[in-house]
């Protein structure tokens, strides 16, 4: 696989084809992972907790009575609401969440289909446009959704089975007398669990990536694209894995750069507040504009990176397509 040529051409596409930035920003805004190098606002180790305080001891007795009566009134009001009202409220919220997920899924896959089709058009010497890209995205969006949702539901089911197997193995070994045998069985169970999830997840992800390309390139159904994508993934696994590692490294570089810039702004504010409150307020006001600009500009950067990332996989698929026609094996 000619990685240097693919990366060079992908960067040229991402840098010069500004029409593709629109589709890239749509995909980036609704994606996670490498295509969207943002993340959750809170990490698991930095959960927000309210400070623990003891109730004040000097609250007047009359005030306590008023608060108690208010709390009782609120409890009675909530308790007087019929159960069917709560069911309707819960159903409405659930329906709203499902609709939001469905809309986001539709828009993201529309953008991804439009982006991939536009890159293929560009490589076939056809100038991309918002109109042609949007039309291509609409024509494949249903198949893209099926391609993504179906296989991952199967993977989740497999993850549940492997987890039950691992937990069951640990429970069974608890009744064994030999400590060495316990450790061996537990170690094997953990290895099977980790390897099973990672290996199947990796194969599935690469198969879906190629499947997206095949839906656009050969107008296949989601099922046909997944099957052929899986076959090609097994055949060209080393080349695909190499491209994935390179893209992951580049994505991490983009993400780390963004985090570093934000940390510099945050540290500047903290140092200023440490000096004096007035200095902190002044620095915060000065930095507010660059931070807001950075946040808005980050979406554009993520969109450009998404174009670059998608272009690499598009060019990889085109090279695999050429190899298949010429009968060239992976590594030659």
Protein backbone atom coordinates (compact mmCIF):
# COMPACT_ATOMS: atom_id res chain seq x y z
CA UNK A 1 0.00 0.00 0.00
CA UNK A 2 1.47 3.36 -1.06
CA UNK A 3 0.79 5.24 2.18
CA UNK A 4 2.84 8.32 1.26
CA UNK A 5 0.98 8.82 -2.01
CA UNK A 6 -2.39 8.27 -0.30
CA UNK A 7 -1.62 10.71 2.52
CA UNK A 8 -0.23 13.34 0.15
CA UNK A 9 -3.25 13.14 -2.16
CA UNK A 10 -5.68 13.08 0.77
CA UNK A 11 -4.17 16.25 2.19
CA UNK A 12 -4.37 17.89 -1.23
CA UNK A 13 -8.07 16.98 -1.43
CA UNK A 14 -8.77 18.23 2.11
CA UNK A 15 -6.84 21.45 1.56
CA UNK A 16 -8.20 22.50 -1.82
CA UNK A 17 -11.75 21.07 -2.07
CA UNK A 18 -13.64 23.55 0.08
CA UNK A 19 -17.02 22.17 -1.03
CA UNK A 20 -16.17 18.98 0.86
CA UNK A 21 -15.62 20.94 4.08
CA UNK A 22 -19.39 21.37 4.42
CA UNK A 23 -20.00 17.61 4.38
CA UNK A 24 -16.95 17.09 6.59
CA UNK A 25 -18.25 19.49 9.24
CA UNK A 26 -21.66 17.79 9.22
CA UNK A 27 -20.05 14.39 9.83
CA UNK A 28 -17.60 15.77 12.41
CA UNK A 29 -20.31 17.56 14.38
CA UNK A 30 -22.29 14.32 14.76
CA UNK A 31 -19.41 11.88 15.20
CA UNK A 32 -17.07 10.65 17.87
CA UNK A 33 -13.68 9.11 17.84
CA UNK A 34 -10.95 10.12 15.45
CA UNK A 35 -13.26 12.05 13.15
CA UNK A 36 -14.35 14.19 16.05
CA UNK A 37 -11.43 14.75 18.37
CA UNK A 38 -13.55 16.42 21.02
CA UNK A 39 -14.95 14.33 23.83
CA UNK A 40 -17.18 14.31 26.86
CA UNK A 41 -17.02 17.40 28.97
CA UNK A 42 -16.22 15.32 32.05
CA UNK A 43 -13.86 12.39 32.29
CA UNK A 44 -14.55 9.48 34.61
CA UNK A 45 -11.91 10.70 37.01
CA UNK A 46 -13.24 14.24 37.08
CA UNK A 47 -16.90 13.85 37.93
CA UNK A 48 -18.64 16.90 39.27
CA UNK A 49 -19.79 16.53 42.85
CA UNK A 50 -21.57 18.98 45.09
CA UNK A 51 -19.72 19.96 48.26
CA UNK A 52 -20.96 18.19 51.34
CA UNK A 53 -22.33 20.58 53.93
CA UNK A 54 -24.10 19.99 57.19
CA UNK A 55 -27.49 21.64 57.68
CA UNK A 56 -27.30 25.02 59.42
CA UNK A 57 -27.96 24.90 63.13
CA UNK A 58 -29.31 28.43 63.53
CA UNK A 59 -32.41 28.15 61.31
CA UNK A 60 -35.42 29.55 63.22
CA UNK A 61 -38.10 27.06 64.19
CA UNK A 62 -40.77 28.95 62.24
CA UNK A 63 -38.62 28.90 59.08
CA UNK A 64 -38.15 25.15 59.44
CA UNK A 65 -41.91 24.70 59.72
CA UNK A 66 -42.48 26.75 56.54
CA UNK A 67 -39.89 24.72 54.63
CA UNK A 68 -41.40 21.48 55.91
CA UNK A 69 -44.90 22.53 54.86
CA UNK A 70 -43.65 23.53 51.41
CA UNK A 71 -41.88 20.20 50.96
CA UNK A 72 -45.00 18.33 52.05
CA UNK A 73 -47.16 20.34 49.66
CA UNK A 74 -44.82 19.59 46.74
CA UNK A 75 -44.77 15.88 47.63
CA UNK A 76 -48.56 15.78 47.81
CA UNK A 77 -48.86 17.61 44.48
CA UNK A 78 -46.51 15.13 42.77
CA UNK A 79 -48.30 12.20 44.40
CA UNK A 80 -51.68 13.47 43.21
CA UNK A 81 -50.64 13.32 39.55
CA UNK A 82 -52.21 10.22 37.93
CA UNK A 83 -49.90 7.42 36.84
CA UNK A 84 -51.06 7.76 33.22
CA UNK A 85 -49.70 11.33 33.16
CA UNK A 86 -46.26 10.06 34.21
CA UNK A 87 -46.47 7.33 31.55
CA UNK A 88 -47.33 9.87 28.87
CA UNK A 89 -44.54 12.18 30.06
CA UNK A 90 -42.00 9.35 30.08
CA UNK A 91 -43.15 8.10 26.69
CA UNK A 92 -42.93 11.60 25.24
CA UNK A 93 -39.39 12.09 26.53
CA UNK A 94 -38.34 8.66 25.23
CA UNK A 95 -39.91 9.38 21.85
CA UNK A 96 -38.16 12.76 21.67
CA UNK A 97 -34.80 11.14 22.44
CA UNK A 98 -35.34 8.42 19.81
CA UNK A 99 -36.35 11.02 17.22
CA UNK A 100 -33.26 13.10 18.02
CA UNK A 101 -31.02 10.03 17.67
CA UNK A 102 -32.74 9.07 14.41
CA UNK A 103 -32.36 12.57 12.94
CA UNK A 104 -28.69 12.75 13.97
CA UNK A 105 -28.07 9.28 12.51
CA UNK A 106 -29.77 10.25 9.26
CA UNK A 107 -27.90 13.55 8.87
CA UNK A 108 -24.53 12.01 9.74
CA UNK A 109 -24.88 9.16 7.24
CA UNK A 110 -26.21 11.54 4.61
CA UNK A 111 -23.10 13.68 5.09
CA UNK A 112 -20.81 10.64 5.02
CA UNK A 113 -22.38 9.32 1.81
CA UNK A 114 -22.18 12.76 0.19
CA UNK A 115 -18.55 13.14 1.23
CA UNK A 116 -17.43 9.71 -0.05
CA UNK A 117 -19.31 10.13 -3.35
CA UNK A 118 -17.83 13.61 -3.85
CA UNK A 119 -14.28 12.33 -3.30
CA UNK A 120 -14.83 9.53 -5.82
CA UNK A 121 -16.20 12.08 -8.29
CA UNK A 122 -13.15 14.24 -7.73
CA UNK A 123 -10.84 11.30 -8.42
CA UNK A 124 -12.86 10.54 -11.58
CA UNK A 125 -12.22 14.12 -12.78
CA UNK A 126 -15.75 15.30 -11.96
CA UNK A 127 -15.81 18.54 -9.92
CA UNK A 128 -17.73 18.01 -6.65
CA UNK A 129 -20.69 20.21 -5.77
CA UNK A 130 -23.13 20.54 -2.90
CA UNK A 131 -26.03 19.56 -5.18
CA UNK A 132 -24.50 16.37 -6.60
CA UNK A 133 -23.03 15.38 -3.23
CA UNK A 134 -26.33 15.90 -1.43
CA UNK A 135 -28.16 13.84 -4.05
CA UNK A 136 -25.67 10.97 -3.64
CA UNK A 137 -25.97 11.18 0.15
CA UNK A 138 -29.76 10.90 0.04
CA UNK A 139 -29.60 7.90 -2.30
CA UNK A 140 -27.40 5.85 0.07
CA UNK A 141 -28.38 7.10 3.53
CA UNK A 142 -30.74 4.20 4.29
CA UNK A 143 -28.13 1.60 3.32
CA UNK A 144 -25.46 3.41 5.34
CA UNK A 145 -27.66 3.35 8.46
CA UNK A 146 -28.35 -0.38 8.05
CA UNK A 147 -24.64 -1.01 7.44
CA UNK A 148 -23.72 0.70 10.72
CA UNK A 149 -26.55 -0.27 13.06
CA UNK A 150 -27.05 -3.96 12.20
CA UNK A 151 -23.46 -5.22 12.62
CA UNK A 152 -22.89 -3.28 15.83
CA UNK A 153 -26.03 -4.75 17.39
CA UNK A 154 -24.56 -8.18 16.62
CA UNK A 155 -21.26 -7.08 18.19
CA UNK A 156 -23.06 -5.92 21.35
CA UNK A 157 -24.78 -9.32 21.58
CA UNK A 158 -21.39 -11.02 21.19
CA UNK A 159 -19.95 -8.76 23.89
CA UNK A 160 -22.74 -9.82 26.27
CA UNK A 161 -22.06 -13.51 25.55
CA UNK A 162 -18.30 -13.11 26.10
CA UNK A 163 -18.90 -11.15 29.30
CA UNK A 164 -21.22 -13.85 30.65
CA UNK A 165 -18.58 -16.45 29.74
CA UNK A 166 -15.85 -14.51 31.56
CA UNK A 167 -17.97 -13.91 34.68
CA UNK A 168 -19.14 -17.54 34.68
CA UNK A 169 -15.55 -18.76 34.48
CA UNK A 170 -14.57 -16.62 37.47
CA UNK A 171 -17.55 -17.91 39.51
CA UNK A 172 -16.75 -21.53 38.67
CA UNK A 173 -13.08 -21.16 39.59
CA UNK A 174 -14.05 -19.79 43.01
CA UNK A 175 -14.94 -23.34 44.09
CA UNK A 176 -11.69 -24.88 42.89
CA UNK A 177 -9.03 -25.78 45.42
CA UNK A 178 -5.89 -25.08 43.39
CA UNK A 179 -4.85 -21.42 43.36
CA UNK A 180 -2.66 -21.97 40.30
CA UNK A 181 -5.62 -23.44 38.39
CA UNK A 182 -7.83 -20.53 39.45
CA UNK A 183 -5.31 -17.97 38.20
CA UNK A 184 -4.82 -19.86 34.93
CA UNK A 185 -8.55 -20.13 34.16
CA UNK A 186 -9.19 -16.49 35.09
CA UNK A 187 -6.26 -15.33 32.93
CA UNK A 188 -7.49 -17.37 29.96
CA UNK A 189 -11.03 -16.03 30.42
CA UNK A 190 -9.80 -12.44 30.46
CA UNK A 191 -7.63 -13.01 27.37
CA UNK A 192 -10.54 -14.59 25.48
CA UNK A 193 -12.82 -11.72 26.51
CA UNK A 194 -10.37 -8.95 25.52
CA UNK A 195 -9.17 -10.61 22.31
CA UNK A 196 -12.70 -11.52 21.26
CA UNK A 197 -14.03 -7.98 21.69
CA UNK A 198 -11.00 -6.23 20.17
CA UNK A 199 -10.57 -8.62 17.22
CA UNK A 200 -14.25 -8.70 16.25
CA UNK A 201 -14.60 -4.95 16.78
CA UNK A 202 -11.56 -4.23 14.59
CA UNK A 203 -12.66 -6.57 11.79
CA UNK A 204 -16.18 -5.18 11.94
CA UNK A 205 -15.02 -1.56 11.86
CA UNK A 206 -12.74 -2.11 8.86
CA UNK A 207 -15.46 -4.09 7.08
CA UNK A 208 -17.92 -1.21 7.59
CA UNK A 209 -15.36 1.33 6.31
CA UNK A 210 -14.91 -0.66 3.11
CA UNK A 211 -18.65 -1.36 2.99
CA UNK A 212 -19.38 2.38 2.83
CA UNK A 213 -17.04 2.70 -0.13
CA UNK A 214 -18.58 -0.32 -1.89
CA UNK A 215 -22.12 1.02 -1.51
CA UNK A 216 -21.03 4.19 -3.30
CA UNK A 217 -18.68 2.56 -5.79
CA UNK A 218 -20.65 -0.56 -6.77
CA UNK A 219 -24.17 0.39 -5.65
CA UNK A 220 -24.40 -2.68 -3.40
CA UNK A 221 -26.98 -3.32 -0.70
CA UNK A 222 -25.88 -2.99 2.93
CA UNK A 223 -25.70 -6.76 3.35
CA UNK A 224 -23.72 -7.27 0.13
CA UNK A 225 -21.35 -4.42 1.00
CA UNK A 226 -20.69 -5.82 4.48
CA UNK A 227 -19.98 -9.31 3.14
CA UNK A 228 -17.61 -8.07 0.45
CA UNK A 229 -16.04 -5.60 2.86
CA UNK A 230 -15.38 -8.42 5.32
CA UNK A 231 -13.81 -10.56 2.59
CA UNK A 232 -11.54 -7.72 1.48
CA UNK A 233 -10.68 -6.90 5.10
CA UNK A 234 -9.43 -10.44 5.66
CA UNK A 235 -7.44 -10.35 2.41
CA UNK A 236 -5.88 -6.90 2.91
CA UNK A 237 -5.91 -6.80 6.70
CA UNK A 238 -2.26 -5.76 7.11
CA UNK A 239 -2.59 -2.80 4.73
CA UNK A 240 -5.88 -1.68 6.26
CA UNK A 241 -4.52 -1.97 9.79
CA UNK A 242 -1.49 0.11 8.80
CA UNK A 243 -3.72 2.83 7.36
CA UNK A 244 -5.86 2.76 10.50
CA UNK A 245 -2.84 3.17 12.78
CA UNK A 246 -1.55 6.10 10.70
CA UNK A 247 -4.96 7.81 10.76
CA UNK A 248 -5.24 7.23 14.51
CA UNK A 249 -1.86 8.86 15.06
CA UNK A 250 -2.78 11.88 12.93
CA UNK A 251 -6.15 12.18 14.68
CA UNK A 252 -4.50 12.05 18.10
CA UNK A 253 -2.09 14.77 16.96
CA UNK A 254 -5.00 17.04 15.99
CA UNK A 255 -6.73 16.34 19.28
CA UNK A 256 -3.63 16.86 21.42
CA UNK A 257 -2.90 20.18 19.69
CA UNK A 258 -6.42 21.45 20.42
CA UNK A 259 -6.26 20.33 24.07
CA UNK A 260 -2.83 21.96 24.45
CA UNK A 261 -4.11 25.30 23.18
CA UNK A 262 -7.10 25.20 25.53
CA UNK A 263 -4.86 24.26 28.47
CA UNK A 264 -2.60 27.25 27.76
CA UNK A 265 -5.60 29.57 27.98
CA UNK A 266 -6.86 27.92 31.18
CA UNK A 267 -3.43 28.02 32.87
CA UNK A 268 -3.10 31.71 31.97
CA UNK A 269 -6.41 32.48 33.71
CA UNK A 270 -5.49 30.42 36.80
CA UNK A 271 -2.11 32.15 37.14
CA UNK A 272 -3.74 35.56 36.74
CA UNK A 273 -6.32 34.81 39.45
CA UNK A 274 -3.52 33.54 41.70
CA UNK A 275 -1.83 36.94 41.37
CA UNK A 276 -4.98 38.96 42.00
CA UNK A 277 -8.71 38.79 41.40
CA UNK A 278 -8.62 41.94 39.27
CA UNK A 279 -5.85 40.55 37.08
CA UNK A 280 -7.80 37.31 36.68
CA UNK A 281 -10.92 39.14 35.53
CA UNK A 282 -8.92 41.23 33.07
CA UNK A 283 -7.12 38.19 31.61
CA UNK A 284 -10.41 36.24 31.42
CA UNK A 285 -12.03 39.07 29.47
CA UNK A 286 -9.06 39.30 27.10
CA UNK A 287 -8.88 35.53 26.52
CA UNK A 288 -12.66 35.05 26.13
CA UNK A 289 -12.61 36.16 22.49
CA UNK A 290 -9.72 33.85 21.42
CA UNK A 291 -11.32 30.92 23.26
CA UNK A 292 -14.67 31.50 21.55
CA UNK A 293 -12.88 31.81 18.22
CA UNK A 294 -10.97 28.59 18.92
CA UNK A 295 -14.17 26.71 19.76
CA UNK A 296 -15.86 27.85 16.55
CA UNK A 297 -12.73 27.31 14.47
CA UNK A 298 -12.32 23.80 15.89
CA UNK A 299 -15.46 22.67 14.04
CA UNK A 300 -13.89 23.79 10.77
CA UNK A 301 -10.63 22.02 11.63
CA UNK A 302 -12.52 18.85 12.54
CA UNK A 303 -14.41 19.08 9.26
CA UNK A 304 -11.19 19.40 7.26
CA UNK A 305 -9.67 16.48 9.16
CA UNK A 306 -12.80 14.40 8.47
CA UNK A 307 -12.38 15.12 4.74
CA UNK A 308 -8.73 14.05 4.99
CA UNK A 309 -9.57 10.90 6.96
CA UNK A 310 -12.37 9.89 4.58
CA UNK A 311 -10.16 10.61 1.57
CA UNK A 312 -7.49 8.21 2.85
CA UNK A 313 -9.99 5.35 3.10
CA UNK A 314 -11.49 6.26 -0.28
CA UNK A 315 -8.07 6.10 -1.93
CA UNK A 316 -7.30 2.85 -0.10
CA UNK A 317 -10.50 1.31 -1.48
CA UNK A 318 -9.63 2.49 -5.00
CA UNK A 319 -6.18 0.93 -4.71
CA UNK A 320 -7.71 -2.34 -3.47
CA UNK A 321 -10.14 -2.18 -6.39
CA UNK A 322 -7.19 -1.85 -8.80
CA UNK A 323 -5.38 -4.75 -7.14
CA UNK A 324 -8.45 -6.94 -7.39
CA UNK A 325 -8.73 -6.21 -11.12
CA UNK A 326 -5.03 -6.88 -11.69
CA UNK A 327 -4.93 -9.92 -9.41
CA UNK A 328 -2.26 -8.38 -7.17
CA UNK A 329 -1.97 -9.75 -3.62
CA UNK A 330 -1.54 -7.65 -0.48
CA UNK A 331 2.06 -6.62 0.07
CA UNK A 332 2.98 -6.67 -3.64
